[in-house]
Amino acid sequence: MSKVGIPNINYVMTMTKSFLDGEIDDITYWLDFPYEIEKRYRKMVKEDRDYAELIFDCLVEEGTNRYNDLSNAEFVKLIRKQYNYIMDVASEGFF
């Protein structure tokens, strides 16, 4: 998947990577990430529907929505797992 032409998808994935690298704390990520997805989702779908849906499913529905059920360490571990899965799928393609 070429990173050119998908600035909104790149933004939310870079935000997630920044969280995993410790540049964004967990509460900020938990609050801001769903907001950024909501704000950018239509544009993300226009960029790449499959990629956008995968990000929403993995990082919002199966990620930030579970924040209150997990310890901080468990939350980071979950987001890392979901991020790596998305990156693997994106590198192999969606077809």
N, C-alpha and C. Protein backbone atom coordinates (compact mmCIF):
# COMPACT_ATOMS: atom_id res chain seq x y z
N MET A 1 0.85 -1.18 0.00
CA MET A 1 0.00 0.00 0.00
C MET A 1 0.89 1.23 0.00
N SER A 2 0.73 2.04 -0.98
CA SER A 2 1.48 3.29 -1.08
C SER A 2 0.94 4.30 -0.06
N LYS A 3 1.85 5.01 0.59
CA LYS A 3 1.43 6.00 1.58
C LYS A 3 1.03 7.32 0.93
N VAL A 4 1.33 7.47 -0.35
CA VAL A 4 0.96 8.69 -1.06
C VAL A 4 -0.54 8.64 -1.34
N GLY A 5 -1.22 9.74 -1.11
CA GLY A 5 -2.64 9.81 -1.43
C GLY A 5 -3.56 9.34 -0.32
N ILE A 6 -3.01 9.06 0.86
CA ILE A 6 -3.86 8.65 1.98
C ILE A 6 -3.48 9.44 3.25
N PRO A 7 -3.54 10.77 3.18
CA PRO A 7 -3.07 11.57 4.32
C PRO A 7 -3.86 11.38 5.60
N ASN A 8 -5.15 11.14 5.52
CA ASN A 8 -5.95 10.96 6.73
C ASN A 8 -5.68 9.62 7.38
N ILE A 9 -5.54 8.59 6.58
CA ILE A 9 -5.16 7.28 7.10
C ILE A 9 -3.77 7.36 7.71
N ASN A 10 -2.85 7.99 7.01
CA ASN A 10 -1.49 8.15 7.55
C ASN A 10 -1.50 8.89 8.88
N TYR A 11 -2.34 9.91 8.99
CA TYR A 11 -2.40 10.70 10.22
C TYR A 11 -2.79 9.82 11.41
N VAL A 12 -3.86 9.04 11.28
CA VAL A 12 -4.31 8.25 12.43
C VAL A 12 -3.35 7.10 12.73
N MET A 13 -2.71 6.56 11.71
CA MET A 13 -1.73 5.50 11.96
C MET A 13 -0.46 6.08 12.60
N THR A 14 -0.06 7.27 12.19
CA THR A 14 1.09 7.94 12.81
C THR A 14 0.77 8.30 14.26
N MET A 15 -0.46 8.72 14.51
CA MET A 15 -0.88 9.02 15.87
C MET A 15 -0.78 7.77 16.74
N THR A 16 -1.21 6.64 16.21
CA THR A 16 -1.13 5.39 16.96
C THR A 16 0.32 5.00 17.21
N LYS A 17 1.17 5.14 16.21
CA LYS A 17 2.60 4.84 16.37
C LYS A 17 3.20 5.76 17.43
N SER A 18 2.83 7.02 17.44
CA SER A 18 3.33 7.96 18.45
C SER A 18 2.91 7.52 19.84
N PHE A 19 1.69 7.04 19.98
CA PHE A 19 1.22 6.51 21.26
C PHE A 19 2.07 5.31 21.67
N LEU A 20 2.29 4.39 20.76
CA LEU A 20 3.06 3.19 21.07
C LEU A 20 4.52 3.50 21.38
N ASP A 21 5.03 4.58 20.82
CA ASP A 21 6.41 5.01 21.08
C ASP A 21 6.53 5.85 22.35
N GLY A 22 5.41 6.07 23.05
CA GLY A 22 5.43 6.82 24.29
C GLY A 22 5.38 8.32 24.14
N GLU A 23 5.11 8.80 22.93
CA GLU A 23 5.05 10.24 22.69
C GLU A 23 3.69 10.83 23.06
N ILE A 24 2.67 9.98 23.17
CA ILE A 24 1.32 10.38 23.56
C ILE A 24 0.92 9.47 24.72
N ASP A 25 0.39 10.04 25.80
CA ASP A 25 -0.03 9.20 26.93
C ASP A 25 -1.35 8.50 26.62
N ASP A 26 -1.67 7.49 27.42
CA ASP A 26 -2.83 6.65 27.12
C ASP A 26 -4.15 7.40 27.21
N ILE A 27 -4.30 8.29 28.16
CA ILE A 27 -5.56 9.02 28.29
C ILE A 27 -5.76 9.95 27.09
N THR A 28 -4.71 10.62 26.68
CA THR A 28 -4.80 11.51 25.52
C THR A 28 -5.17 10.71 24.28
N TYR A 29 -4.51 9.57 24.09
CA TYR A 29 -4.81 8.73 22.92
C TYR A 29 -6.26 8.25 22.99
N TRP A 30 -6.69 7.77 24.15
CA TRP A 30 -8.04 7.25 24.32
C TRP A 30 -9.10 8.32 24.01
N LEU A 31 -8.82 9.55 24.40
CA LEU A 31 -9.77 10.64 24.15
C LEU A 31 -9.67 11.19 22.73
N ASP A 32 -8.46 11.38 22.24
CA ASP A 32 -8.26 12.06 20.95
C ASP A 32 -8.40 11.15 19.74
N PHE A 33 -7.99 9.89 19.86
CA PHE A 33 -8.02 9.02 18.68
C PHE A 33 -9.44 8.83 18.13
N PRO A 34 -10.43 8.48 18.94
CA PRO A 34 -11.78 8.35 18.39
C PRO A 34 -12.30 9.66 17.78
N TYR A 35 -11.93 10.78 18.37
CA TYR A 35 -12.32 12.08 17.81
C TYR A 35 -11.71 12.27 16.43
N GLU A 36 -10.43 11.96 16.28
CA GLU A 36 -9.76 12.10 14.99
C GLU A 36 -10.38 11.17 13.95
N ILE A 37 -10.73 9.96 14.36
CA ILE A 37 -11.38 9.02 13.44
C ILE A 37 -12.72 9.59 12.99
N GLU A 38 -13.50 10.07 13.95
CA GLU A 38 -14.82 10.63 13.62
C GLU A 38 -14.67 11.81 12.65
N LYS A 39 -13.71 12.65 12.91
CA LYS A 39 -13.49 13.84 12.09
C LYS A 39 -13.01 13.48 10.68
N ARG A 40 -12.22 12.43 10.54
CA ARG A 40 -11.57 12.10 9.28
C ARG A 40 -12.17 10.90 8.54
N TYR A 41 -13.12 10.21 9.14
CA TYR A 41 -13.53 8.92 8.60
C TYR A 41 -14.03 8.99 7.15
N ARG A 42 -14.85 9.94 6.83
CA ARG A 42 -15.35 10.04 5.44
C ARG A 42 -14.21 10.19 4.45
N LYS A 43 -13.24 11.01 4.79
CA LYS A 43 -12.08 11.19 3.92
C LYS A 43 -11.25 9.91 3.86
N MET A 44 -11.12 9.22 4.99
CA MET A 44 -10.38 7.96 5.02
C MET A 44 -11.03 6.94 4.09
N VAL A 45 -12.35 6.86 4.12
CA VAL A 45 -13.08 5.92 3.26
C VAL A 45 -12.84 6.25 1.79
N LYS A 46 -12.81 7.53 1.46
CA LYS A 46 -12.52 7.92 0.07
C LYS A 46 -11.10 7.53 -0.33
N GLU A 47 -10.18 7.59 0.63
CA GLU A 47 -8.78 7.22 0.35
C GLU A 47 -8.65 5.72 0.13
N ASP A 48 -9.25 4.93 1.03
CA ASP A 48 -9.18 3.47 0.93
C ASP A 48 -10.20 2.88 1.90
N ARG A 49 -11.33 2.45 1.38
CA ARG A 49 -12.42 1.95 2.23
C ARG A 49 -11.99 0.78 3.11
N ASP A 50 -11.32 -0.21 2.54
CA ASP A 50 -10.93 -1.39 3.31
C ASP A 50 -9.99 -1.02 4.46
N TYR A 51 -9.02 -0.19 4.17
CA TYR A 51 -8.06 0.25 5.17
C TYR A 51 -8.78 1.03 6.27
N ALA A 52 -9.66 1.94 5.90
CA ALA A 52 -10.40 2.75 6.87
C ALA A 52 -11.27 1.87 7.77
N GLU A 53 -11.96 0.90 7.19
CA GLU A 53 -12.81 0.01 7.98
C GLU A 53 -11.99 -0.85 8.92
N LEU A 54 -10.83 -1.32 8.45
CA LEU A 54 -9.95 -2.12 9.30
C LEU A 54 -9.46 -1.29 10.49
N ILE A 55 -9.06 -0.07 10.24
CA ILE A 55 -8.61 0.82 11.32
C ILE A 55 -9.75 1.04 12.31
N PHE A 56 -10.94 1.33 11.83
CA PHE A 56 -12.07 1.55 12.72
C PHE A 56 -12.37 0.30 13.56
N ASP A 57 -12.44 -0.84 12.90
CA ASP A 57 -12.75 -2.08 13.62
C ASP A 57 -11.69 -2.41 14.67
N CYS A 58 -10.43 -2.33 14.28
CA CYS A 58 -9.35 -2.76 15.16
C CYS A 58 -8.98 -1.74 16.23
N LEU A 59 -8.89 -0.48 15.86
CA LEU A 59 -8.37 0.52 16.80
C LEU A 59 -9.45 1.29 17.55
N VAL A 60 -10.67 1.28 17.05
CA VAL A 60 -11.76 1.93 17.79
C VAL A 60 -12.62 0.86 18.47
N GLU A 61 -13.31 0.04 17.67
CA GLU A 61 -14.24 -0.93 18.27
C GLU A 61 -13.52 -1.95 19.15
N GLU A 62 -12.39 -2.46 18.69
CA GLU A 62 -11.65 -3.46 19.47
C GLU A 62 -10.47 -2.85 20.22
N GLY A 63 -10.34 -1.52 20.17
CA GLY A 63 -9.20 -0.85 20.79
C GLY A 63 -9.63 0.15 21.83
N THR A 64 -9.81 1.41 21.42
CA THR A 64 -10.11 2.47 22.39
C THR A 64 -11.43 2.24 23.13
N ASN A 65 -12.38 1.56 22.51
CA ASN A 65 -13.64 1.27 23.21
C ASN A 65 -13.44 0.33 24.40
N ARG A 66 -12.30 -0.34 24.47
CA ARG A 66 -12.03 -1.27 25.57
C ARG A 66 -11.16 -0.65 26.66
N TYR A 67 -10.83 0.61 26.53
CA TYR A 67 -9.91 1.29 27.45
C TYR A 67 -10.30 1.11 28.91
N ASN A 68 -11.55 1.31 29.25
CA ASN A 68 -11.99 1.24 30.65
C ASN A 68 -11.99 -0.16 31.22
N ASP A 69 -11.90 -1.17 30.37
CA ASP A 69 -11.90 -2.56 30.83
C ASP A 69 -10.51 -3.11 31.07
N LEU A 70 -9.48 -2.34 30.72
CA LEU A 70 -8.11 -2.85 30.74
C LEU A 70 -7.21 -1.98 31.61
N SER A 71 -6.13 -2.60 32.11
CA SER A 71 -5.09 -1.81 32.77
C SER A 71 -4.34 -1.02 31.70
N ASN A 72 -3.54 -0.06 32.12
CA ASN A 72 -2.76 0.72 31.15
C ASN A 72 -1.87 -0.18 30.32
N ALA A 73 -1.20 -1.13 30.97
CA ALA A 73 -0.30 -2.04 30.25
C ALA A 73 -1.07 -2.91 29.27
N GLU A 74 -2.23 -3.40 29.70
CA GLU A 74 -3.05 -4.23 28.80
C GLU A 74 -3.55 -3.42 27.60
N PHE A 75 -3.89 -2.15 27.84
CA PHE A 75 -4.36 -1.29 26.76
C PHE A 75 -3.26 -1.07 25.72
N VAL A 76 -2.06 -0.76 26.19
CA VAL A 76 -0.94 -0.57 25.27
C VAL A 76 -0.67 -1.85 24.49
N LYS A 77 -0.68 -2.97 25.17
CA LYS A 77 -0.45 -4.26 24.52
C LYS A 77 -1.51 -4.53 23.44
N LEU A 78 -2.76 -4.24 23.75
CA LEU A 78 -3.85 -4.44 22.79
C LEU A 78 -3.68 -3.53 21.58
N ILE A 79 -3.41 -2.26 21.80
CA ILE A 79 -3.26 -1.33 20.68
C ILE A 79 -2.06 -1.73 19.83
N ARG A 80 -0.97 -2.16 20.46
CA ARG A 80 0.21 -2.61 19.71
C ARG A 80 -0.15 -3.82 18.84
N LYS A 81 -0.87 -4.77 19.41
CA LYS A 81 -1.29 -5.96 18.65
C LYS A 81 -2.17 -5.55 17.46
N GLN A 82 -3.14 -4.69 17.70
CA GLN A 82 -4.04 -4.25 16.64
C GLN A 82 -3.29 -3.45 15.57
N TYR A 83 -2.39 -2.58 16.00
CA TYR A 83 -1.59 -1.78 15.06
C TYR A 83 -0.75 -2.70 14.17
N ASN A 84 -0.08 -3.65 14.78
CA ASN A 84 0.76 -4.58 14.00
C ASN A 84 -0.08 -5.39 13.02
N TYR A 85 -1.25 -5.80 13.44
CA TYR A 85 -2.15 -6.55 12.55
C TYR A 85 -2.54 -5.69 11.34
N ILE A 86 -2.92 -4.45 11.60
CA ILE A 86 -3.30 -3.54 10.50
C ILE A 86 -2.13 -3.35 9.55
N MET A 87 -0.94 -3.13 10.09
CA MET A 87 0.24 -2.92 9.25
C MET A 87 0.54 -4.17 8.41
N ASP A 88 0.37 -5.36 9.00
CA ASP A 88 0.59 -6.60 8.25
C ASP A 88 -0.41 -6.73 7.11
N VAL A 89 -1.67 -6.51 7.40
CA VAL A 89 -2.71 -6.61 6.36
C VAL A 89 -2.46 -5.58 5.27
N ALA A 90 -2.16 -4.36 5.65
CA ALA A 90 -1.93 -3.29 4.67
C ALA A 90 -0.73 -3.60 3.79
N SER A 91 0.30 -4.21 4.36
CA SER A 91 1.49 -4.51 3.56
C SER A 91 1.24 -5.63 2.57
N GLU A 92 0.32 -6.53 2.90
CA GLU A 92 -0.01 -7.65 2.01
C GLU A 92 -1.08 -7.27 1.00
N GLY A 93 -1.84 -6.24 1.29
CA GLY A 93 -2.94 -5.84 0.41
C GLY A 93 -4.26 -6.39 0.92
N PHE A 94 -5.33 -5.81 0.46
CA PHE A 94 -6.66 -6.15 0.96
C PHE A 94 -7.42 -7.11 0.08
N PHE A 95 -6.83 -7.58 -1.00
CA PHE A 95 -7.55 -8.48 -1.90
C PHE A 95 -7.07 -9.89 -1.77
